[in-house]
Amino acid sequence: MEGLGPVAAAAAAFVGTHFLLEHPLRKPIVDTVGSAAFLGIYSAVAAATLGWLALAYVAAPAGTLLWPVGDGLWAAAAVVMLLASILLMGSIVRNPALPNPGSPTAVPAEARGVYG
């Protein structure tokens, strides 16, 4: 697992910078450079650390799998992902909890789906 050190470091940097920029450092940076510049900084840091993670993953040596993966597990994962995708789309379509900037009213007339 010594070849996975750079991948772990890149993943920790990616997640860590998200936490740092979202919670303790957000207000001081926004107060200093403004909201639009902060979004640019946040995006640049996220892109850089995600790129580092991708490069570290590609450079990592191939190793043995932690558990055997057969055709049954692949089929089960495909079915679960299909159901998750359907549920995700169902939560997005006509969701009254999502903001609607073009609507003159803040509250929809009728709740649908899970919210109904």
PDB file of N, CA and C in Angstrom:
ATOM      1  N   MET A   1       0.816  -1.198   0.000  1.00  0.00           N
ATOM      2  CA  MET A   1       0.000   0.000   0.000  1.00  0.00           C
ATOM      3  C   MET A   1       0.860   1.262   0.000  1.00  0.00           C
ATOM      4  N   GLU A   2       2.194   1.109  -0.073  1.00  0.00           N
ATOM      5  CA  GLU A   2       3.048   2.283  -0.047  1.00  0.00           C
ATOM      6  C   GLU A   2       2.902   3.121  -1.307  1.00  0.00           C
ATOM      7  N   GLY A   3       2.471   2.528  -2.408  1.00  0.00           N
ATOM      8  CA  GLY A   3       2.276   3.276  -3.634  1.00  0.00           C
ATOM      9  C   GLY A   3       1.018   4.120  -3.620  1.00  0.00           C
ATOM     10  N   LEU A   4       0.163   3.921  -2.623  1.00  0.00           N
ATOM     11  CA  LEU A   4      -1.083   4.679  -2.537  1.00  0.00           C
ATOM     12  C   LEU A   4      -0.956   5.933  -1.673  1.00  0.00           C
ATOM     13  N   GLY A   5       0.226   6.200  -1.159  1.00  0.00           N
ATOM     14  CA  GLY A   5       0.453   7.387  -0.337  1.00  0.00           C
ATOM     15  C   GLY A   5       0.118   8.687  -1.058  1.00  0.00           C
ATOM     16  N   PRO A   6       0.595   8.889  -2.296  1.00  0.00           N
ATOM     17  CA  PRO A   6       0.234  10.116  -3.013  1.00  0.00           C
ATOM     18  C   PRO A   6      -1.263  10.238  -3.280  1.00  0.00           C
ATOM     19  N   VAL A   7      -1.934   9.124  -3.505  1.00  0.00           N
ATOM     20  CA  VAL A   7      -3.389   9.171  -3.719  1.00  0.00           C
ATOM     21  C   VAL A   7      -4.079   9.595  -2.428  1.00  0.00           C
ATOM     22  N   ALA A   8      -3.652   9.039  -1.311  1.00  0.00           N
ATOM     23  CA  ALA A   8      -4.241   9.409  -0.025  1.00  0.00           C
ATOM     24  C   ALA A   8      -3.970  10.875   0.300  1.00  0.00           C
ATOM     25  N   ALA A   9      -2.767  11.353   0.009  1.00  0.00           N
ATOM     26  CA  ALA A   9      -2.438  12.761   0.276  1.00  0.00           C
ATOM     27  C   ALA A   9      -3.272  13.695  -0.602  1.00  0.00           C
ATOM     28  N   ALA A  10      -3.435  13.345  -1.871  1.00  0.00           N
ATOM     29  CA  ALA A  10      -4.226  14.172  -2.774  1.00  0.00           C
ATOM     30  C   ALA A  10      -5.699  14.169  -2.365  1.00  0.00           C
ATOM     31  N   ALA A  11      -6.219  13.013  -1.964  1.00  0.00           N
ATOM     32  CA  ALA A  11      -7.612  12.930  -1.521  1.00  0.00           C
ATOM     33  C   ALA A  11      -7.805  13.742  -0.242  1.00  0.00           C
ATOM     34  N   ALA A  12      -6.863  13.665   0.670  1.00  0.00           N
ATOM     35  CA  ALA A  12      -6.955  14.446   1.909  1.00  0.00           C
ATOM     36  C   ALA A  12      -6.894  15.942   1.612  1.00  0.00           C
ATOM     37  N   ALA A  13      -6.051  16.337   0.659  1.00  0.00           N
ATOM     38  CA  ALA A  13      -5.969  17.751   0.281  1.00  0.00           C
ATOM     39  C   ALA A  13      -7.271  18.214  -0.363  1.00  0.00           C
ATOM     40  N   PHE A  14      -7.858  17.383  -1.220  1.00  0.00           N
ATOM     41  CA  PHE A  14      -9.108  17.739  -1.882  1.00  0.00           C
ATOM     42  C   PHE A  14     -10.226  17.948  -0.866  1.00  0.00           C
ATOM     43  N   VAL A  15     -10.398  16.987   0.018  1.00  0.00           N
ATOM     44  CA  VAL A  15     -11.457  17.083   1.025  1.00  0.00           C
ATOM     45  C   VAL A  15     -11.122  18.166   2.055  1.00  0.00           C
ATOM     46  N   GLY A  16      -9.877  18.233   2.466  1.00  0.00           N
ATOM     47  CA  GLY A  16      -9.472  19.215   3.476  1.00  0.00           C
ATOM     48  C   GLY A  16      -9.648  20.646   3.014  1.00  0.00           C
ATOM     49  N   THR A  17      -9.276  20.939   1.765  1.00  0.00           N
ATOM     50  CA  THR A  17      -9.448  22.311   1.275  1.00  0.00           C
ATOM     51  C   THR A  17     -10.918  22.676   1.143  1.00  0.00           C
ATOM     52  N   HIS A  18     -11.759  21.693   0.827  1.00  0.00           N
ATOM     53  CA  HIS A  18     -13.194  21.970   0.791  1.00  0.00           C
ATOM     54  C   HIS A  18     -13.692  22.372   2.180  1.00  0.00           C
ATOM     55  N   PHE A  19     -13.295  21.620   3.193  1.00  0.00           N
ATOM     56  CA  PHE A  19     -13.726  21.940   4.557  1.00  0.00           C
ATOM     57  C   PHE A  19     -13.176  23.293   5.012  1.00  0.00           C
ATOM     58  N   LEU A  20     -11.898  23.545   4.728  1.00  0.00           N
ATOM     59  CA  LEU A  20     -11.290  24.802   5.165  1.00  0.00           C
ATOM     60  C   LEU A  20     -11.911  26.007   4.464  1.00  0.00           C
ATOM     61  N   LEU A  21     -12.118  25.901   3.163  1.00  0.00           N
ATOM     62  CA  LEU A  21     -12.657  27.040   2.428  1.00  0.00           C
ATOM     63  C   LEU A  21     -14.149  27.229   2.657  1.00  0.00           C
ATOM     64  N   GLU A  22     -14.821  26.210   3.093  1.00  0.00           N
ATOM     65  CA  GLU A  22     -16.256  26.348   3.306  1.00  0.00           C
ATOM     66  C   GLU A  22     -16.593  26.838   4.710  1.00  0.00           C
ATOM     67  N   HIS A  23     -15.794  26.502   5.694  1.00  0.00           N
ATOM     68  CA  HIS A  23     -16.162  26.853   7.058  1.00  0.00           C
ATOM     69  C   HIS A  23     -15.263  27.931   7.664  1.00  0.00           C
ATOM     70  N   PRO A  24     -14.060  27.631   8.114  1.00  0.00           N
ATOM     71  CA  PRO A  24     -13.327  28.654   8.876  1.00  0.00           C
ATOM     72  C   PRO A  24     -12.753  29.788   8.018  1.00  0.00           C
ATOM     73  N   LEU A  25     -12.391  29.526   6.762  1.00  0.00           N
ATOM     74  CA  LEU A  25     -11.725  30.549   5.962  1.00  0.00           C
ATOM     75  C   LEU A  25     -12.656  31.329   5.044  1.00  0.00           C
ATOM     76  N   ARG A  26     -13.884  30.903   4.908  1.00  0.00           N
ATOM     77  CA  ARG A  26     -14.790  31.536   3.942  1.00  0.00           C
ATOM     78  C   ARG A  26     -15.027  33.019   4.253  1.00  0.00           C
ATOM     79  N   LYS A  27     -15.445  33.328   5.451  1.00  0.00           N
ATOM     80  CA  LYS A  27     -15.784  34.714   5.790  1.00  0.00           C
ATOM     81  C   LYS A  27     -14.585  35.645   5.668  1.00  0.00           C
ATOM     82  N   PRO A  28     -13.403  35.293   6.214  1.00  0.00           N
ATOM     83  CA  PRO A  28     -12.271  36.216   6.067  1.00  0.00           C
ATOM     84  C   PRO A  28     -11.878  36.453   4.604  1.00  0.00           C
ATOM     85  N   ILE A  29     -11.943  35.420   3.784  1.00  0.00           N
ATOM     86  CA  ILE A  29     -11.572  35.586   2.377  1.00  0.00           C
ATOM     87  C   ILE A  29     -12.623  36.412   1.647  1.00  0.00           C
ATOM     88  N   VAL A  30     -13.897  36.127   1.891  1.00  0.00           N
ATOM     89  CA  VAL A  30     -14.967  36.901   1.238  1.00  0.00           C
ATOM     90  C   VAL A  30     -14.894  38.367   1.669  1.00  0.00           C
ATOM     91  N   ASP A  31     -14.616  38.624   2.938  1.00  0.00           N
ATOM     92  CA  ASP A  31     -14.494  40.001   3.411  1.00  0.00           C
ATOM     93  C   ASP A  31     -13.313  40.724   2.766  1.00  0.00           C
ATOM     94  N   THR A  32     -12.260  39.976   2.439  1.00  0.00           N
ATOM     95  CA  THR A  32     -11.065  40.582   1.864  1.00  0.00           C
ATOM     96  C   THR A  32     -11.185  40.797   0.360  1.00  0.00           C
ATOM     97  N   VAL A  33     -11.594  39.751  -0.380  1.00  0.00           N
ATOM     98  CA  VAL A  33     -11.564  39.832  -1.846  1.00  0.00           C
ATOM     99  C   VAL A  33     -12.942  39.934  -2.480  1.00  0.00           C
ATOM    100  N   GLY A  34     -13.989  39.680  -1.745  1.00  0.00           N
ATOM    101  CA  GLY A  34     -15.337  39.733  -2.306  1.00  0.00           C
ATOM    102  C   GLY A  34     -15.856  38.355  -2.656  1.00  0.00           C
ATOM    103  N   SER A  35     -17.166  38.289  -2.871  1.00  0.00           N
ATOM    104  CA  SER A  35     -17.828  37.009  -3.104  1.00  0.00           C
ATOM    105  C   SER A  35     -17.447  36.394  -4.450  1.00  0.00           C
ATOM    106  N   ALA A  36     -17.405  37.205  -5.499  1.00  0.00           N
ATOM    107  CA  ALA A  36     -17.095  36.674  -6.831  1.00  0.00           C
ATOM    108  C   ALA A  36     -15.663  36.151  -6.891  1.00  0.00           C
ATOM    109  N   ALA A  37     -14.722  36.880  -6.314  1.00  0.00           N
ATOM    110  CA  ALA A  37     -13.334  36.421  -6.311  1.00  0.00           C
ATOM    111  C   ALA A  37     -13.179  35.154  -5.467  1.00  0.00           C
ATOM    112  N   PHE A  38     -13.935  35.088  -4.368  1.00  0.00           N
ATOM    113  CA  PHE A  38     -13.873  33.875  -3.547  1.00  0.00           C
ATOM    114  C   PHE A  38     -14.316  32.657  -4.349  1.00  0.00           C
ATOM    115  N   LEU A  39     -15.384  32.809  -5.125  1.00  0.00           N
ATOM    116  CA  LEU A  39     -15.837  31.681  -5.948  1.00  0.00           C
ATOM    117  C   LEU A  39     -14.759  31.257  -6.934  1.00  0.00           C
ATOM    118  N   GLY A  40     -14.033  32.214  -7.484  1.00  0.00           N
ATOM    119  CA  GLY A  40     -12.928  31.886  -8.381  1.00  0.00           C
ATOM    120  C   GLY A  40     -11.807  31.154  -7.660  1.00  0.00           C
ATOM    121  N   ILE A  41     -11.462  31.634  -6.471  1.00  0.00           N
ATOM    122  CA  ILE A  41     -10.420  30.980  -5.676  1.00  0.00           C
ATOM    123  C   ILE A  41     -10.849  29.569  -5.303  1.00  0.00           C
ATOM    124  N   TYR A  42     -12.073  29.443  -4.834  1.00  0.00           N
ATOM    125  CA  TYR A  42     -12.605  28.135  -4.432  1.00  0.00           C
ATOM    126  C   TYR A  42     -12.572  27.166  -5.617  1.00  0.00           C
ATOM    127  N   SER A  43     -12.999  27.639  -6.785  1.00  0.00           N
ATOM    128  CA  SER A  43     -13.011  26.785  -7.976  1.00  0.00           C
ATOM    129  C   SER A  43     -11.605  26.401  -8.398  1.00  0.00           C
ATOM    130  N   ALA A  44     -10.678  27.345  -8.336  1.00  0.00           N
ATOM    131  CA  ALA A  44      -9.293  27.046  -8.728  1.00  0.00           C
ATOM    132  C   ALA A  44      -8.659  26.023  -7.791  1.00  0.00           C
ATOM    133  N   VAL A  45      -8.881  26.192  -6.490  1.00  0.00           N
ATOM    134  CA  VAL A  45      -8.329  25.236  -5.521  1.00  0.00           C
ATOM    135  C   VAL A  45      -8.956  23.857  -5.718  1.00  0.00           C
ATOM    136  N   ALA A  46     -10.270  23.810  -5.927  1.00  0.00           N
ATOM    137  CA  ALA A  46     -10.946  22.529  -6.136  1.00  0.00           C
ATOM    138  C   ALA A  46     -10.445  21.855  -7.409  1.00  0.00           C
ATOM    139  N   ALA A  47     -10.297  22.616  -8.494  1.00  0.00           N
ATOM    140  CA  ALA A  47      -9.811  22.041  -9.753  1.00  0.00           C
ATOM    141  C   ALA A  47      -8.374  21.538  -9.617  1.00  0.00           C
ATOM    142  N   ALA A  48      -7.532  22.314  -8.923  1.00  0.00           N
ATOM    143  CA  ALA A  48      -6.133  21.906  -8.760  1.00  0.00           C
ATOM    144  C   ALA A  48      -6.012  20.631  -7.930  1.00  0.00           C
ATOM    145  N   THR A  49      -6.735  20.570  -6.826  1.00  0.00           N
ATOM    146  CA  THR A  49      -6.619  19.378  -5.982  1.00  0.00           C
ATOM    147  C   THR A  49      -7.288  18.163  -6.629  1.00  0.00           C
ATOM    148  N   LEU A  50      -8.368  18.373  -7.381  1.00  0.00           N
ATOM    149  CA  LEU A  50      -8.981  17.255  -8.093  1.00  0.00           C
ATOM    150  C   LEU A  50      -8.054  16.762  -9.201  1.00  0.00           C
ATOM    151  N   GLY A  51      -7.398  17.684  -9.887  1.00  0.00           N
ATOM    152  CA  GLY A  51      -6.415  17.288 -10.900  1.00  0.00           C
ATOM    153  C   GLY A  51      -5.261  16.514 -10.288  1.00  0.00           C
ATOM    154  N   TRP A  52      -4.788  16.971  -9.134  1.00  0.00           N
ATOM    155  CA  TRP A  52      -3.719  16.264  -8.432  1.00  0.00           C
ATOM    156  C   TRP A  52      -4.172  14.858  -8.064  1.00  0.00           C
ATOM    157  N   LEU A  53      -5.396  14.722  -7.585  1.00  0.00           N
ATOM    158  CA  LEU A  53      -5.932  13.414  -7.220  1.00  0.00           C
ATOM    159  C   LEU A  53      -6.011  12.496  -8.440  1.00  0.00           C
ATOM    160  N   ALA A  54      -6.460  13.025  -9.567  1.00  0.00           N
ATOM    161  CA  ALA A  54      -6.563  12.212 -10.783  1.00  0.00           C
ATOM    162  C   ALA A  54      -5.183  11.765 -11.253  1.00  0.00           C
ATOM    163  N   LEU A  55      -4.209  12.668 -11.245  1.00  0.00           N
ATOM    164  CA  LEU A  55      -2.852  12.303 -11.666  1.00  0.00           C
ATOM    165  C   LEU A  55      -2.227  11.288 -10.709  1.00  0.00           C
ATOM    166  N   ALA A  56      -2.455  11.459  -9.420  1.00  0.00           N
ATOM    167  CA  ALA A  56      -1.912  10.503  -8.447  1.00  0.00           C
ATOM    168  C   ALA A  56      -2.539   9.133  -8.623  1.00  0.00           C
ATOM    169  N   TYR A  57      -3.826   9.102  -8.940  1.00  0.00           N
ATOM    170  CA  TYR A  57      -4.509   7.827  -9.150  1.00  0.00           C
ATOM    171  C   TYR A  57      -3.965   7.122 -10.387  1.00  0.00           C
ATOM    172  N   VAL A  58      -3.759   7.867 -11.462  1.00  0.00           N
ATOM    173  CA  VAL A  58      -3.231   7.265 -12.689  1.00  0.00           C
ATOM    174  C   VAL A  58      -1.817   6.747 -12.470  1.00  0.00           C
ATOM    175  N   ALA A  59      -1.020   7.457 -11.673  1.00  0.00           N
ATOM    176  CA  ALA A  59       0.366   7.057 -11.432  1.00  0.00           C
ATOM    177  C   ALA A  59       0.496   5.941 -10.406  1.00  0.00           C
ATOM    178  N   ALA A  60      -0.552   5.657  -9.664  1.00  0.00           N
ATOM    179  CA  ALA A  60      -0.485   4.627  -8.623  1.00  0.00           C
ATOM    180  C   ALA A  60      -0.316   3.250  -9.257  1.00  0.00           C
ATOM    181  N   PRO A  61       0.476   2.405  -8.627  1.00  0.00           N
ATOM    182  CA  PRO A  61       0.668   1.059  -9.184  1.00  0.00           C
ATOM    183  C   PRO A  61      -0.595   0.211  -9.018  1.00  0.00           C
ATOM    184  N   ALA A  62      -0.787  -0.656  -9.982  1.00  0.00           N
ATOM    185  CA  ALA A  62      -1.918  -1.586  -9.909  1.00  0.00           C
ATOM    186  C   ALA A  62      -1.622  -2.631  -8.845  1.00  0.00           C
ATOM    187  N   GLY A  63      -2.608  -2.920  -8.050  1.00  0.00           N
ATOM    188  CA  GLY A  63      -2.433  -3.911  -6.988  1.00  0.00           C
ATOM    189  C   GLY A  63      -3.535  -4.943  -7.041  1.00  0.00           C
ATOM    190  N   THR A  64      -3.529  -5.799  -6.072  1.00  0.00           N
ATOM    191  CA  THR A  64      -4.572  -6.815  -6.015  1.00  0.00           C
ATOM    192  C   THR A  64      -5.845  -6.198  -5.447  1.00  0.00           C
ATOM    193  N   LEU A  65      -6.968  -6.737  -5.841  1.00  0.00           N
ATOM    194  CA  LEU A  65      -8.249  -6.245  -5.353  1.00  0.00           C
ATOM    195  C   LEU A  65      -8.436  -6.616  -3.885  1.00  0.00           C
ATOM    196  N   LEU A  66      -9.158  -5.779  -3.165  1.00  0.00           N
ATOM    197  CA  LEU A  66      -9.391  -6.055  -1.757  1.00  0.00           C
ATOM    198  C   LEU A  66     -10.359  -7.213  -1.558  1.00  0.00           C
ATOM    199  N   TRP A  67     -11.283  -7.414  -2.496  1.00  0.00           N
ATOM    200  CA  TRP A  67     -12.225  -8.527  -2.454  1.00  0.00           C
ATOM    201  C   TRP A  67     -12.531  -8.933  -3.888  1.00  0.00           C
ATOM    202  N   PRO A  68     -12.894 -10.201  -4.086  1.00  0.00           N
ATOM    203  CA  PRO A  68     -13.198 -10.636  -5.445  1.00  0.00           C
ATOM    204  C   PRO A  68     -14.522 -10.041  -5.937  1.00  0.00           C
ATOM    205  N   VAL A  69     -14.530  -9.602  -7.172  1.00  0.00           N
ATOM    206  CA  VAL A  69     -15.726  -9.001  -7.764  1.00  0.00           C
ATOM    207  C   VAL A  69     -16.155  -9.890  -8.923  1.00  0.00           C
ATOM    208  N   GLY A  70     -17.289 -10.537  -8.756  1.00  0.00           N
ATOM    209  CA  GLY A  70     -17.807 -11.405  -9.811  1.00  0.00           C
ATOM    210  C   GLY A  70     -18.895 -10.700 -10.603  1.00  0.00           C
ATOM    211  N   ASP A  71     -19.462 -11.435 -11.551  1.00  0.00           N
ATOM    212  CA  ASP A  71     -20.512 -10.867 -12.389  1.00  0.00           C
ATOM    213  C   ASP A  71     -21.766 -10.526 -11.584  1.00  0.00           C
ATOM    214  N   GLY A  72     -22.055 -11.302 -10.561  1.00  0.00           N
ATOM    215  CA  GLY A  72     -23.239 -11.044  -9.743  1.00  0.00           C
ATOM    216  C   GLY A  72     -23.163  -9.703  -9.025  1.00  0.00           C
ATOM    217  N   LEU A  73     -21.986  -9.381  -8.496  1.00  0.00           N
ATOM    218  CA  LEU A  73     -21.815  -8.104  -7.799  1.00  0.00           C
ATOM    219  C   LEU A  73     -21.922  -6.941  -8.778  1.00  0.00           C
ATOM    220  N   TRP A  74     -21.371  -7.103  -9.972  1.00  0.00           N
ATOM    221  CA  TRP A  74     -21.485  -6.044 -10.983  1.00  0.00           C
ATOM    222  C   TRP A  74     -22.947  -5.838 -11.370  1.00  0.00           C
ATOM    223  N   ALA A  75     -23.693  -6.905 -11.531  1.00  0.00           N
ATOM    224  CA  ALA A  75     -25.114  -6.790 -11.895  1.00  0.00           C
ATOM    225  C   ALA A  75     -25.899  -6.121 -10.773  1.00  0.00           C
ATOM    226  N   ALA A  76     -25.625  -6.498  -9.532  1.00  0.00           N
ATOM    227  CA  ALA A  76     -26.326  -5.893  -8.393  1.00  0.00           C
ATOM    228  C   ALA A  76     -26.006  -4.399  -8.299  1.00  0.00           C
ATOM    229  N   ALA A  77     -24.753  -4.046  -8.512  1.00  0.00           N
ATOM    230  CA  ALA A  77     -24.377  -2.630  -8.469  1.00  0.00           C
ATOM    231  C   ALA A  77     -25.053  -1.851  -9.585  1.00  0.00           C
ATOM    232  N   ALA A  78     -25.175  -2.443 -10.765  1.00  0.00           N
ATOM    233  CA  ALA A  78     -25.845  -1.774 -11.880  1.00  0.00           C
ATOM    234  C   ALA A  78     -27.319  -1.534 -11.574  1.00  0.00           C
ATOM    235  N   VAL A  79     -27.987  -2.508 -10.970  1.00  0.00           N
ATOM    236  CA  VAL A  79     -29.407  -2.354 -10.623  1.00  0.00           C
ATOM    237  C   VAL A  79     -29.581  -1.276  -9.550  1.00  0.00           C
ATOM    238  N   VAL A  80     -28.721  -1.276  -8.537  1.00  0.00           N
ATOM    239  CA  VAL A  80     -28.805  -0.277  -7.474  1.00  0.00           C
ATOM    240  C   VAL A  80     -28.571   1.123  -8.038  1.00  0.00           C
ATOM    241  N   MET A  81     -27.595   1.267  -8.933  1.00  0.00           N
ATOM    242  CA  MET A  81     -27.324   2.577  -9.522  1.00  0.00           C
ATOM    243  C   MET A  81     -28.466   3.036 -10.422  1.00  0.00           C
ATOM    244  N   LEU A  82     -29.105   2.113 -11.121  1.00  0.00           N
ATOM    245  CA  LEU A  82     -30.260   2.475 -11.936  1.00  0.00           C
ATOM    246  C   LEU A  82     -31.390   3.001 -11.057  1.00  0.00           C
ATOM    247  N   LEU A  83     -31.666   2.299  -9.968  1.00  0.00           N
ATOM    248  CA  LEU A  83     -32.708   2.755  -9.046  1.00  0.00           C
ATOM    249  C   LEU A  83     -32.344   4.093  -8.405  1.00  0.00           C
ATOM    250  N   ALA A  84     -31.085   4.261  -8.047  1.00  0.00           N
ATOM    251  CA  ALA A  84     -30.654   5.527  -7.459  1.00  0.00           C
ATOM    252  C   ALA A  84     -30.792   6.671  -8.458  1.00  0.00           C
ATOM    253  N   SER A  85     -30.489   6.419  -9.712  1.00  0.00           N
ATOM    254  CA  SER A  85     -30.625   7.458 -10.739  1.00  0.00           C
ATOM    255  C   SER A  85     -32.083   7.839 -10.943  1.00  0.00           C
ATOM    256  N   ILE A  86     -32.953   6.867 -10.937  1.00  0.00           N
ATOM    257  CA  ILE A  86     -34.384   7.144 -11.081  1.00  0.00           C
ATOM    258  C   ILE A  86     -34.891   7.966  -9.896  1.00  0.00           C
ATOM    259  N   LEU A  87     -34.486   7.599  -8.690  1.00  0.00           N
ATOM    260  CA  LEU A  87     -34.898   8.352  -7.512  1.00  0.00           C
ATOM    261  C   LEU A  87     -34.314   9.763  -7.511  1.00  0.00           C
ATOM    262  N   LEU A  88     -33.074   9.910  -7.974  1.00  0.00           N
ATOM    263  CA  LEU A  88     -32.471  11.230  -8.057  1.00  0.00           C
ATOM    264  C   LEU A  88     -33.245  12.122  -9.016  1.00  0.00           C
ATOM    265  N   MET A  89     -33.561  11.617 -10.193  1.00  0.00           N
ATOM    266  CA  MET A  89     -34.312  12.414 -11.155  1.00  0.00           C
ATOM    267  C   MET A  89     -35.708  12.734 -10.618  1.00  0.00           C
ATOM    268  N   GLY A  90     -36.310  11.800  -9.923  1.00  0.00           N
ATOM    269  CA  GLY A  90     -37.616  12.055  -9.329  1.00  0.00           C
ATOM    270  C   GLY A  90     -37.566  13.132  -8.261  1.00  0.00           C
ATOM    271  N   SER A  91     -36.438  13.269  -7.590  1.00  0.00           N
ATOM    272  CA  SER A  91     -36.325  14.307  -6.565  1.00  0.00           C
ATOM    273  C   SER A  91     -36.065  15.678  -7.165  1.00  0.00           C
ATOM    274  N   ILE A  92     -35.598  15.722  -8.404  1.00  0.00           N
ATOM    275  CA  ILE A  92     -35.292  16.998  -9.043  1.00  0.00           C
ATOM    276  C   ILE A  92     -36.499  17.542  -9.808  1.00  0.00           C
ATOM    277  N   VAL A  93     -37.239  16.669 -10.474  1.00  0.00           N
ATOM    278  CA  VAL A  93     -38.360  17.102 -11.312  1.00  0.00           C
ATOM    279  C   VAL A  93     -39.506  17.572 -10.427  1.00  0.00           C
ATOM    280  N   ARG A  94     -39.946  18.769 -10.618  1.00  0.00           N
ATOM    281  CA  ARG A  94     -41.073  19.386  -9.920  1.00  0.00           C
ATOM    282  C   ARG A  94     -40.933  19.319  -8.396  1.00  0.00           C
ATOM    283  N   ASN A  95     -39.724  19.562  -7.926  1.00  0.00           N
ATOM    284  CA  ASN A  95     -39.455  19.546  -6.494  1.00  0.00           C
ATOM    285  C   ASN A  95     -39.803  20.913  -5.913  1.00  0.00           C
ATOM    286  N   PRO A  96     -40.771  20.991  -5.001  1.00  0.00           N
ATOM    287  CA  PRO A  96     -41.136  22.293  -4.458  1.00  0.00           C
ATOM    288  C   PRO A  96     -40.077  22.884  -3.536  1.00  0.00           C
ATOM    289  N   ALA A  97     -39.119  22.092  -3.115  1.00  0.00           N
ATOM    290  CA  ALA A  97     -38.078  22.608  -2.233  1.00  0.00           C
ATOM    291  C   ALA A  97     -36.982  23.328  -3.006  1.00  0.00           C
ATOM    292  N   LEU A  98     -36.884  23.105  -4.321  1.00  0.00           N
ATOM    293  CA  LEU A  98     -35.872  23.784  -5.118  1.00  0.00           C
ATOM    294  C   LEU A  98     -36.319  25.209  -5.416  1.00  0.00           C
ATOM    295  N   PRO A  99     -35.385  26.157  -5.392  1.00  0.00           N
ATOM    296  CA  PRO A  99     -35.776  27.541  -5.672  1.00  0.00           C
ATOM    297  C   PRO A  99     -36.145  27.719  -7.138  1.00  0.00           C
ATOM    298  N   ASN A 100     -37.095  28.608  -7.381  1.00  0.00           N
ATOM    299  CA  ASN A 100     -37.537  28.922  -8.737  1.00  0.00           C
ATOM    300  C   ASN A 100     -37.408  30.429  -8.923  1.00  0.00           C
ATOM    301  N   PRO A 101     -36.285  30.902  -9.491  1.00  0.00           N
ATOM    302  CA  PRO A 101     -36.068  32.343  -9.557  1.00  0.00           C
ATOM    303  C   PRO A 101     -37.072  33.068 -10.438  1.00  0.00           C
ATOM    304  N   GLY A 102     -37.687  32.415 -11.413  1.00  0.00           N
ATOM    305  CA  GLY A 102     -38.630  33.071 -12.299  1.00  0.00           C
ATOM    306  C   GLY A 102     -40.036  33.150 -11.740  1.00  0.00           C
ATOM    307  N   SER A 103     -40.295  32.461 -10.654  1.00  0.00           N
ATOM    308  CA  SER A 103     -41.638  32.410 -10.090  1.00  0.00           C
ATOM    309  C   SER A 103     -41.898  33.628  -9.201  1.00  0.00           C
ATOM    310  N   PRO A 104     -43.065  34.270  -9.356  1.00  0.00           N
ATOM    311  CA  PRO A 104     -43.365  35.414  -8.488  1.00  0.00           C
ATOM    312  C   PRO A 104     -43.694  35.002  -7.057  1.00  0.00           C
ATOM    313  N   THR A 105     -44.109  33.749  -6.854  1.00  0.00           N
ATOM    314  CA  THR A 105     -44.421  33.282  -5.500  1.00  0.00           C
ATOM    315  C   THR A 105     -43.303  32.382  -5.012  1.00  0.00           C
ATOM    316  N   ALA A 106     -43.005  32.473  -3.732  1.00  0.00           N
ATOM    317  CA  ALA A 106     -41.927  31.667  -3.163  1.00  0.00           C
ATOM    318  C   ALA A 106     -42.383  30.250  -2.858  1.00  0.00           C
ATOM    319  N   VAL A 107     -43.686  30.060  -2.638  1.00  0.00           N
ATOM    320  CA  VAL A 107     -44.209  28.750  -2.262  1.00  0.00           C
ATOM    321  C   VAL A 107     -45.050  28.205  -3.413  1.00  0.00           C
ATOM    322  N   PRO A 108     -44.771  26.957  -3.870  1.00  0.00           N
ATOM    323  CA  PRO A 108     -45.590  26.404  -4.945  1.00  0.00           C
ATOM    324  C   PRO A 108     -47.028  26.186  -4.487  1.00  0.00           C
ATOM    325  N   ALA A 109     -47.933  26.198  -5.448  1.00  0.00           N
ATOM    326  CA  ALA A 109     -49.350  26.055  -5.131  1.00  0.00           C
ATOM    327  C   ALA A 109     -49.677  24.672  -4.592  1.00  0.00           C
ATOM    328  N   GLU A 110     -49.014  23.654  -5.125  1.00  0.00           N
ATOM    329  CA  GLU A 110     -49.330  22.288  -4.723  1.00  0.00           C
ATOM    330  C   GLU A 110     -48.054  21.480  -4.583  1.00  0.00           C
ATOM    331  N   ALA A 111     -47.918  20.782  -3.469  1.00  0.00           N
ATOM    332  CA  ALA A 111     -46.769  19.914  -3.279  1.00  0.00           C
ATOM    333  C   ALA A 111     -47.002  18.602  -3.999  1.00  0.00           C
ATOM    334  N   ARG A 112     -45.961  18.097  -4.650  1.00  0.00           N
ATOM    335  CA  ARG A 112     -46.068  16.845  -5.399  1.00  0.00           C
ATOM    336  C   ARG A 112     -45.005  15.860  -4.925  1.00  0.00           C
ATOM    337  N   GLY A 113     -45.192  14.624  -5.295  1.00  0.00           N
ATOM    338  CA  GLY A 113     -44.199  13.596  -4.992  1.00  0.00           C
ATOM    339  C   GLY A 113     -44.098  13.324  -3.510  1.00  0.00           C
ATOM    340  N   VAL A 114     -42.873  13.195  -3.037  1.00  0.00           N
ATOM    341  CA  VAL A 114     -42.626  12.886  -1.630  1.00  0.00           C
ATOM    342  C   VAL A 114     -43.134  14.005  -0.740  1.00  0.00           C
ATOM    343  N   TYR A 115     -43.077  15.248  -1.227  1.00  0.00           N
ATOM    344  CA  TYR A 115     -43.519  16.385  -0.422  1.00  0.00           C
ATOM    345  C   TYR A 115     -45.037  16.461  -0.298  1.00  0.00           C
ATOM    346  N   GLY A 116     -45.752  15.782  -1.192  1.00  0.00           N
ATOM    347  CA  GLY A 116     -47.223  15.766  -1.126  1.00  0.00           C
ATOM    348  C   GLY A 116     -47.674  14.884  -0.008  1.00  0.00           C
TER     349      GLY A 116
END
